[in-house]
Amino acid sequence: MFVVLGAAAWWLLYRGLGPFAEWFAYDLLKMAAGSHLALAVEFFVFEAPKVLMLLTLVVFGVGIVRSFFTAERTRRILAGKREAAGNVLAALLGVVTPFCSCSAVPLFIGFVTTGVPLGVTFSFLISAPMVNEVALVLLFGLFGWKVAVLYAGTGLMIAIVAGWVIGRLRLERWVQDWVYKTTTGASPSGGEATLTWDDRVRFGREAMKDIVGKVWPYVLAGIAVGAGIHGYVPQDFMASIMGKETWWSVPLTVVIGIPMYSNAAGIIPVVQALLGKGAALGTVLAFMMSVIGLSLPEMIILRKVLKLPLIFTFAGVVGLGILIVGYLFNVLI
């Protein structure tokens, strides 16, 4: 009963965000309708609670799903798989497992030392941050199922193909020597405790408190940037530098996105504002994927376990995949 009442209150509050944002900007603050500042304020007041509410709901549900996937269980699933099937399975597992770029080093060590092929490991490491389940649901809530499916499908394809290519190149010699000498101390398959549904719900609540508690400043910062773009950037200007006709827009946005560091929830409001100002979908998707899946901080973290030639190969293969996605969707859509 409590869950039903909570869901009903969440829905009523969510439906009232639009009228509240208009009342706040035009009735309470007495702003001139159509002014740059009024548009920016209305965007922020509407989007900030909207994205945070969606994020809270999504993280709670994802936290329950993630309780079924531990690092040990994921390693056991992937170990011994043939590369082609392993790449697909690793990319799919990357979507639902609770790992990000900050856990890349221990995951990489655990995977390669328990028999997971290098290419399969990279499919997982690419998919885990890039095809972010929080971003997927936020995209669905903000833009509809078509954009969400495009994001998930293209991200998975990049992870699968890039991992397969890296596996075919036989680049094991470019892994740091100490990695293969490391023992993981993996526990036997029966060593995992069985969780009850109460445990899983508690896990979801803890994930909600932990993740939302950490990312909300980034979300508000992203929404503030999006509000500035929405209110002050002319639509013709944005369309001229990120439109379909501008051939260099896709590589430019990828280059801009690589040194940036943002989680998926923080970059979504920027994506929304760019699309609203006339930026092409393929260009915006390329920008978002480069920020999430090809960030400089992740490269620095991976430097601990990979030699520079393998890092450059990884960045090059993933970057090429992102460029292809950008150009493809700019042509098709």
Protein backbone atom coordinates (compact mmCIF):
# COMPACT_ATOMS: atom_id res chain seq x y z
CA MET A 1 0.00 0.00 0.00
CA PHE A 2 2.83 2.37 0.90
CA VAL A 3 4.53 1.71 -2.46
CA VAL A 4 1.29 2.41 -4.37
CA LEU A 5 0.69 5.69 -2.51
CA GLY A 6 4.31 6.71 -3.03
CA ALA A 7 4.10 5.96 -6.76
CA ALA A 8 0.85 7.96 -7.06
CA ALA A 9 2.37 10.94 -5.23
CA TRP A 10 5.48 10.73 -7.45
CA TRP A 11 3.34 10.77 -10.60
CA LEU A 12 1.17 13.69 -9.49
CA LEU A 13 4.25 15.72 -8.55
CA TYR A 14 5.93 14.85 -11.86
CA ARG A 15 2.87 15.92 -13.87
CA GLY A 16 2.75 19.27 -12.07
CA LEU A 17 6.33 20.32 -12.83
CA GLY A 18 5.47 22.11 -16.08
CA PRO A 19 2.77 24.40 -14.66
CA PHE A 20 4.93 25.05 -11.59
CA ALA A 21 7.90 26.16 -13.72
CA GLU A 22 5.68 28.59 -15.68
CA TRP A 23 4.16 29.96 -12.45
CA PHE A 24 7.61 30.37 -10.90
CA ALA A 25 9.09 32.28 -13.85
CA TYR A 26 6.16 34.41 -14.97
CA ASP A 27 3.88 34.85 -11.94
CA LEU A 28 6.26 34.71 -8.98
CA LEU A 29 9.34 36.35 -10.54
CA LYS A 30 7.31 38.50 -13.00
CA MET A 31 9.70 37.81 -15.89
CA ALA A 32 8.94 38.95 -19.39
CA ALA A 33 7.60 36.09 -21.48
CA GLY A 34 10.04 35.04 -24.18
CA SER A 35 13.07 36.79 -22.68
CA HIS A 36 16.40 34.93 -22.60
CA LEU A 37 16.55 34.86 -18.81
CA ALA A 38 12.92 33.74 -18.46
CA LEU A 39 13.47 30.84 -20.88
CA ALA A 40 16.61 29.79 -19.01
CA VAL A 41 14.92 29.99 -15.58
CA GLU A 42 11.83 28.11 -16.75
CA PHE A 43 14.03 25.38 -18.27
CA PHE A 44 16.05 24.98 -15.05
CA VAL A 45 13.06 25.00 -12.68
CA PHE A 46 11.29 22.40 -14.83
CA GLU A 47 14.23 20.14 -15.65
CA ALA A 48 16.04 20.06 -12.29
CA PRO A 49 13.30 18.29 -10.29
CA LYS A 50 12.23 16.30 -13.35
CA VAL A 51 15.66 14.77 -13.95
CA LEU A 52 16.31 14.20 -10.24
CA MET A 53 12.95 12.47 -9.82
CA LEU A 54 13.59 10.24 -12.82
CA LEU A 55 17.11 9.56 -11.58
CA THR A 56 15.89 8.56 -8.12
CA LEU A 57 13.28 6.19 -9.51
CA VAL A 58 15.67 4.65 -12.03
CA VAL A 59 18.55 4.15 -9.60
CA PHE A 60 16.26 2.41 -7.12
CA GLY A 61 15.04 -0.03 -9.78
CA VAL A 62 18.51 -0.54 -11.21
CA GLY A 63 19.87 -1.12 -7.71
CA ILE A 64 17.50 -4.07 -7.33
CA VAL A 65 18.56 -5.46 -10.73
CA ARG A 66 22.23 -5.03 -9.88
CA SER A 67 21.84 -7.08 -6.71
CA PHE A 68 21.73 -10.14 -8.99
CA PHE A 69 25.18 -9.40 -10.50
CA THR A 70 28.34 -9.49 -8.43
CA ALA A 71 31.86 -9.15 -9.85
CA GLU A 72 32.52 -12.81 -9.08
CA ARG A 73 29.37 -13.99 -10.83
CA THR A 74 30.11 -11.82 -13.87
CA ARG A 75 33.62 -13.25 -14.15
CA ARG A 76 32.28 -16.80 -13.96
CA ILE A 77 29.74 -16.11 -16.70
CA LEU A 78 32.36 -14.70 -19.07
CA ALA A 79 35.28 -17.01 -18.32
CA GLY A 80 35.83 -19.63 -21.00
CA LYS A 81 33.35 -18.14 -23.50
CA ARG A 82 34.31 -18.14 -27.17
CA GLU A 83 35.19 -14.66 -28.36
CA ALA A 84 32.25 -13.90 -30.67
CA ALA A 85 29.61 -15.01 -28.17
CA GLY A 86 31.69 -13.63 -25.32
CA ASN A 87 31.79 -10.14 -26.85
CA VAL A 88 28.00 -10.03 -27.14
CA LEU A 89 27.44 -11.41 -23.65
CA ALA A 90 30.06 -9.10 -22.11
CA ALA A 91 28.50 -6.03 -23.72
CA LEU A 92 25.03 -7.00 -22.46
CA LEU A 93 26.33 -7.68 -18.94
CA GLY A 94 28.05 -4.29 -18.97
CA VAL A 95 24.66 -2.58 -19.13
CA VAL A 96 23.28 -4.14 -15.93
CA THR A 97 26.37 -4.50 -13.75
CA PRO A 98 27.31 -1.84 -11.15
CA PHE A 99 30.69 -0.87 -12.58
CA CYS A 100 32.08 2.35 -14.04
CA SER A 101 35.42 3.73 -15.16
CA CYS A 102 36.60 4.09 -11.55
CA SER A 103 36.47 0.30 -11.13
CA ALA A 104 38.17 -0.42 -14.46
CA VAL A 105 41.51 -1.53 -12.98
CA PRO A 106 40.30 -4.20 -10.49
CA LEU A 107 37.76 -5.46 -13.03
CA PHE A 108 40.38 -5.72 -15.76
CA ILE A 109 42.74 -7.64 -13.47
CA GLY A 110 39.99 -9.95 -12.27
CA PHE A 111 38.77 -10.70 -15.79
CA VAL A 112 42.05 -11.40 -17.57
CA THR A 113 43.49 -13.47 -14.71
CA THR A 114 40.45 -15.76 -14.63
CA GLY A 115 40.56 -16.66 -18.30
CA VAL A 116 38.34 -14.00 -19.89
CA PRO A 117 39.84 -13.12 -23.33
CA LEU A 118 41.23 -9.61 -23.73
CA GLY A 119 38.73 -8.63 -26.43
CA VAL A 120 35.79 -9.85 -24.34
CA THR A 121 37.11 -7.88 -21.36
CA PHE A 122 37.19 -4.72 -23.49
CA SER A 123 33.62 -5.28 -24.71
CA PHE A 124 32.58 -5.23 -21.06
CA LEU A 125 34.73 -2.23 -20.13
CA ILE A 126 33.38 -0.22 -23.07
CA SER A 127 29.75 -1.16 -22.54
CA ALA A 128 29.64 -0.64 -18.75
CA PRO A 129 30.09 3.16 -18.79
CA MET A 130 28.86 3.87 -22.34
CA VAL A 131 25.49 2.07 -22.34
CA ASN A 132 24.52 3.48 -18.98
CA GLU A 133 21.15 2.25 -17.76
CA VAL A 134 20.45 5.55 -16.01
CA ALA A 135 21.09 7.44 -19.25
CA LEU A 136 18.94 4.94 -21.12
CA VAL A 137 15.88 5.50 -18.94
CA LEU A 138 16.41 9.26 -18.77
CA LEU A 139 16.62 9.39 -22.56
CA PHE A 140 13.41 7.39 -22.75
CA GLY A 141 11.67 9.75 -20.32
CA LEU A 142 12.90 12.91 -22.05
CA PHE A 143 12.99 11.99 -25.75
CA GLY A 144 10.97 8.81 -26.22
CA TRP A 145 11.77 5.20 -27.01
CA LYS A 146 13.30 5.78 -30.46
CA VAL A 147 16.21 7.87 -29.17
CA ALA A 148 16.70 5.50 -26.22
CA VAL A 149 16.82 2.47 -28.52
CA LEU A 150 19.25 4.24 -30.86
CA TYR A 151 21.53 5.04 -27.94
CA ALA A 152 21.45 1.50 -26.52
CA GLY A 153 21.77 -0.25 -29.88
CA THR A 154 24.66 1.83 -31.17
CA GLY A 155 26.49 1.74 -27.84
CA LEU A 156 26.23 -2.05 -27.66
CA MET A 157 27.38 -2.38 -31.27
CA ILE A 158 30.46 -0.24 -30.58
CA ALA A 159 31.29 -2.33 -27.49
CA ILE A 160 30.84 -5.64 -29.34
CA VAL A 161 32.72 -4.70 -32.51
CA ALA A 162 35.51 -2.80 -30.73
CA GLY A 163 36.09 -5.70 -28.34
CA TRP A 164 36.12 -8.18 -31.22
CA VAL A 165 38.61 -6.07 -33.19
CA ILE A 166 40.90 -5.68 -30.18
CA GLY A 167 40.72 -9.44 -29.63
CA ARG A 168 41.64 -10.15 -33.27
CA LEU A 169 44.71 -7.89 -33.02
CA ARG A 170 46.26 -10.10 -30.29
CA LEU A 171 47.49 -7.24 -28.15
CA GLU A 172 48.06 -9.17 -24.91
CA ARG A 173 51.74 -8.15 -25.02
CA TRP A 174 50.67 -4.56 -24.39
CA VAL A 175 49.10 -5.41 -21.02
CA GLN A 176 51.35 -4.44 -18.10
CA ASP A 177 53.51 -7.46 -17.17
CA TRP A 178 52.46 -7.51 -13.53
CA VAL A 179 48.78 -8.01 -14.36
CA TYR A 180 49.13 -11.64 -15.49
CA LYS A 181 51.20 -12.43 -12.40
CA THR A 182 48.37 -11.32 -10.14
CA THR A 183 46.10 -13.88 -8.50
CA THR A 184 42.52 -12.85 -7.79
CA GLY A 185 41.60 -15.30 -5.06
CA ALA A 186 38.21 -15.96 -6.63
CA SER A 187 35.73 -17.62 -4.34
CA PRO A 188 33.95 -20.85 -5.28
CA SER A 189 30.56 -20.60 -6.93
CA GLY A 190 28.73 -21.57 -3.79
CA GLY A 191 30.31 -18.77 -1.77
CA GLU A 192 27.74 -16.09 -2.62
CA ALA A 193 24.98 -15.47 -0.14
CA THR A 194 21.40 -15.74 -1.32
CA LEU A 195 19.59 -12.43 -1.00
CA THR A 196 15.92 -12.14 -0.12
CA TRP A 197 13.65 -9.61 -1.80
CA ASP A 198 13.82 -7.45 1.33
CA ASP A 199 17.60 -7.48 0.95
CA ARG A 200 17.32 -6.49 -2.70
CA VAL A 201 14.90 -3.64 -1.94
CA ARG A 202 17.29 -2.45 0.77
CA PHE A 203 20.11 -2.67 -1.79
CA GLY A 204 18.04 -0.50 -4.13
CA ARG A 205 17.46 2.11 -1.42
CA GLU A 206 21.16 2.16 -0.54
CA ALA A 207 22.09 2.54 -4.21
CA MET A 208 19.59 5.40 -4.51
CA LYS A 209 21.05 7.23 -1.51
CA ASP A 210 24.63 6.60 -2.58
CA ILE A 211 24.41 7.36 -6.31
CA VAL A 212 21.92 10.24 -6.21
CA GLY A 213 23.80 11.68 -3.25
CA LYS A 214 27.00 11.73 -5.29
CA VAL A 215 25.74 12.84 -8.71
CA TRP A 216 23.13 15.51 -7.92
CA PRO A 217 25.67 18.38 -8.13
CA TYR A 218 26.72 17.18 -11.59
CA VAL A 219 23.07 16.91 -12.61
CA LEU A 220 22.32 20.48 -11.50
CA ALA A 221 25.49 21.71 -13.23
CA GLY A 222 24.46 19.98 -16.44
CA ILE A 223 20.96 21.42 -16.22
CA ALA A 224 22.41 24.88 -15.60
CA VAL A 225 24.54 24.55 -18.74
CA GLY A 226 21.50 23.29 -20.63
CA ALA A 227 19.43 26.20 -19.34
CA GLY A 228 22.04 28.64 -20.60
CA ILE A 229 22.05 27.00 -24.02
CA HIS A 230 18.25 26.92 -24.09
CA GLY A 231 17.84 30.56 -23.11
CA TYR A 232 20.76 32.35 -24.72
CA VAL A 233 22.21 30.38 -27.64
CA PRO A 234 20.51 31.25 -30.95
CA GLN A 235 19.03 28.25 -32.72
CA ASP A 236 20.59 29.18 -36.07
CA PHE A 237 24.05 29.36 -34.49
CA MET A 238 23.83 25.90 -32.93
CA ALA A 239 22.42 24.39 -36.09
CA SER A 240 25.29 25.92 -38.08
CA ILE A 241 28.03 24.26 -36.01
CA MET A 242 26.29 20.99 -35.02
CA GLY A 243 23.88 20.48 -37.90
CA LYS A 244 23.79 17.66 -40.45
CA GLU A 245 25.33 19.75 -43.20
CA THR A 246 28.48 20.54 -41.20
CA TRP A 247 30.77 17.58 -41.94
CA TRP A 248 33.34 18.46 -39.28
CA SER A 249 30.80 18.75 -36.45
CA VAL A 250 30.97 15.06 -35.48
CA PRO A 251 34.77 14.79 -35.05
CA LEU A 252 34.83 18.22 -33.39
CA THR A 253 32.28 17.22 -30.74
CA VAL A 254 34.13 13.94 -30.09
CA VAL A 255 37.40 15.83 -29.56
CA ILE A 256 35.61 18.26 -27.24
CA GLY A 257 33.95 15.43 -25.32
CA ILE A 258 37.07 13.34 -24.60
CA PRO A 259 38.72 15.67 -22.04
CA MET A 260 35.39 16.32 -20.34
CA TYR A 261 34.33 14.26 -17.35
CA SER A 262 30.66 13.84 -16.56
CA ASN A 263 28.37 11.02 -15.57
CA ALA A 264 25.47 10.11 -17.81
CA ALA A 265 22.87 11.89 -15.68
CA GLY A 266 24.83 15.13 -15.83
CA ILE A 267 25.27 15.17 -19.61
CA ILE A 268 21.64 14.34 -20.53
CA PRO A 269 20.28 17.88 -19.85
CA VAL A 270 23.03 19.32 -22.08
CA VAL A 271 22.02 16.85 -24.79
CA GLN A 272 18.39 17.91 -24.44
CA ALA A 273 19.26 21.58 -24.81
CA LEU A 274 21.49 20.97 -27.84
CA LEU A 275 18.78 18.99 -29.63
CA GLY A 276 16.24 21.67 -28.80
CA LYS A 277 18.45 24.28 -30.46
CA GLY A 278 18.75 22.44 -33.75
CA ALA A 279 21.83 20.24 -33.26
CA ALA A 280 21.73 17.01 -35.27
CA LEU A 281 20.94 13.79 -33.40
CA GLY A 282 24.01 11.94 -34.68
CA THR A 283 26.34 14.76 -33.65
CA VAL A 284 24.81 14.96 -30.18
CA LEU A 285 24.95 11.17 -29.72
CA ALA A 286 28.62 11.21 -30.71
CA PHE A 287 29.29 13.97 -28.18
CA MET A 288 27.48 12.11 -25.38
CA MET A 289 29.23 8.81 -26.12
CA SER A 290 32.65 10.43 -26.17
CA VAL A 291 32.05 12.07 -22.79
CA ILE A 292 30.73 8.88 -21.18
CA GLY A 293 32.72 6.13 -22.90
CA LEU A 294 35.99 7.73 -24.03
CA SER A 295 36.84 10.17 -21.27
CA LEU A 296 40.40 11.17 -20.45
CA PRO A 297 40.05 10.19 -16.75
CA GLU A 298 39.25 6.61 -17.79
CA MET A 299 42.36 6.53 -19.99
CA ILE A 300 44.47 7.68 -17.04
CA ILE A 301 42.98 4.95 -14.85
CA LEU A 302 43.56 2.26 -17.49
CA ARG A 303 47.20 3.37 -17.82
CA LYS A 304 47.87 1.42 -14.62
CA VAL A 305 47.19 -1.88 -16.35
CA LEU A 306 47.72 -1.13 -20.06
CA LYS A 307 50.72 0.03 -22.04
CA LEU A 308 50.34 3.09 -24.25
CA PRO A 309 49.96 1.23 -27.60
CA LEU A 310 46.94 -0.69 -26.25
CA ILE A 311 45.40 2.48 -24.78
CA PHE A 312 45.80 4.26 -28.14
CA THR A 313 44.34 1.25 -29.95
CA PHE A 314 41.39 1.15 -27.55
CA ALA A 315 40.75 4.89 -27.94
CA GLY A 316 41.14 4.72 -31.71
CA VAL A 317 38.77 1.78 -32.22
CA VAL A 318 36.09 3.20 -29.91
CA GLY A 319 36.51 6.70 -31.35
CA LEU A 320 36.11 5.38 -34.89
CA GLY A 321 32.92 3.58 -33.83
CA ILE A 322 31.53 6.78 -32.30
CA LEU A 323 32.32 8.74 -35.47
CA ILE A 324 30.55 6.13 -37.59
CA VAL A 325 27.48 6.34 -35.32
CA GLY A 326 27.43 10.14 -35.57
CA TYR A 327 27.67 10.25 -39.35
CA LEU A 328 25.28 7.32 -39.82
CA PHE A 329 22.44 8.88 -37.84
CA ASN A 330 23.02 12.30 -39.35
CA VAL A 331 22.48 10.69 -42.75
CA LEU A 332 19.54 8.45 -41.81
CA ILE A 333 17.58 10.76 -39.50
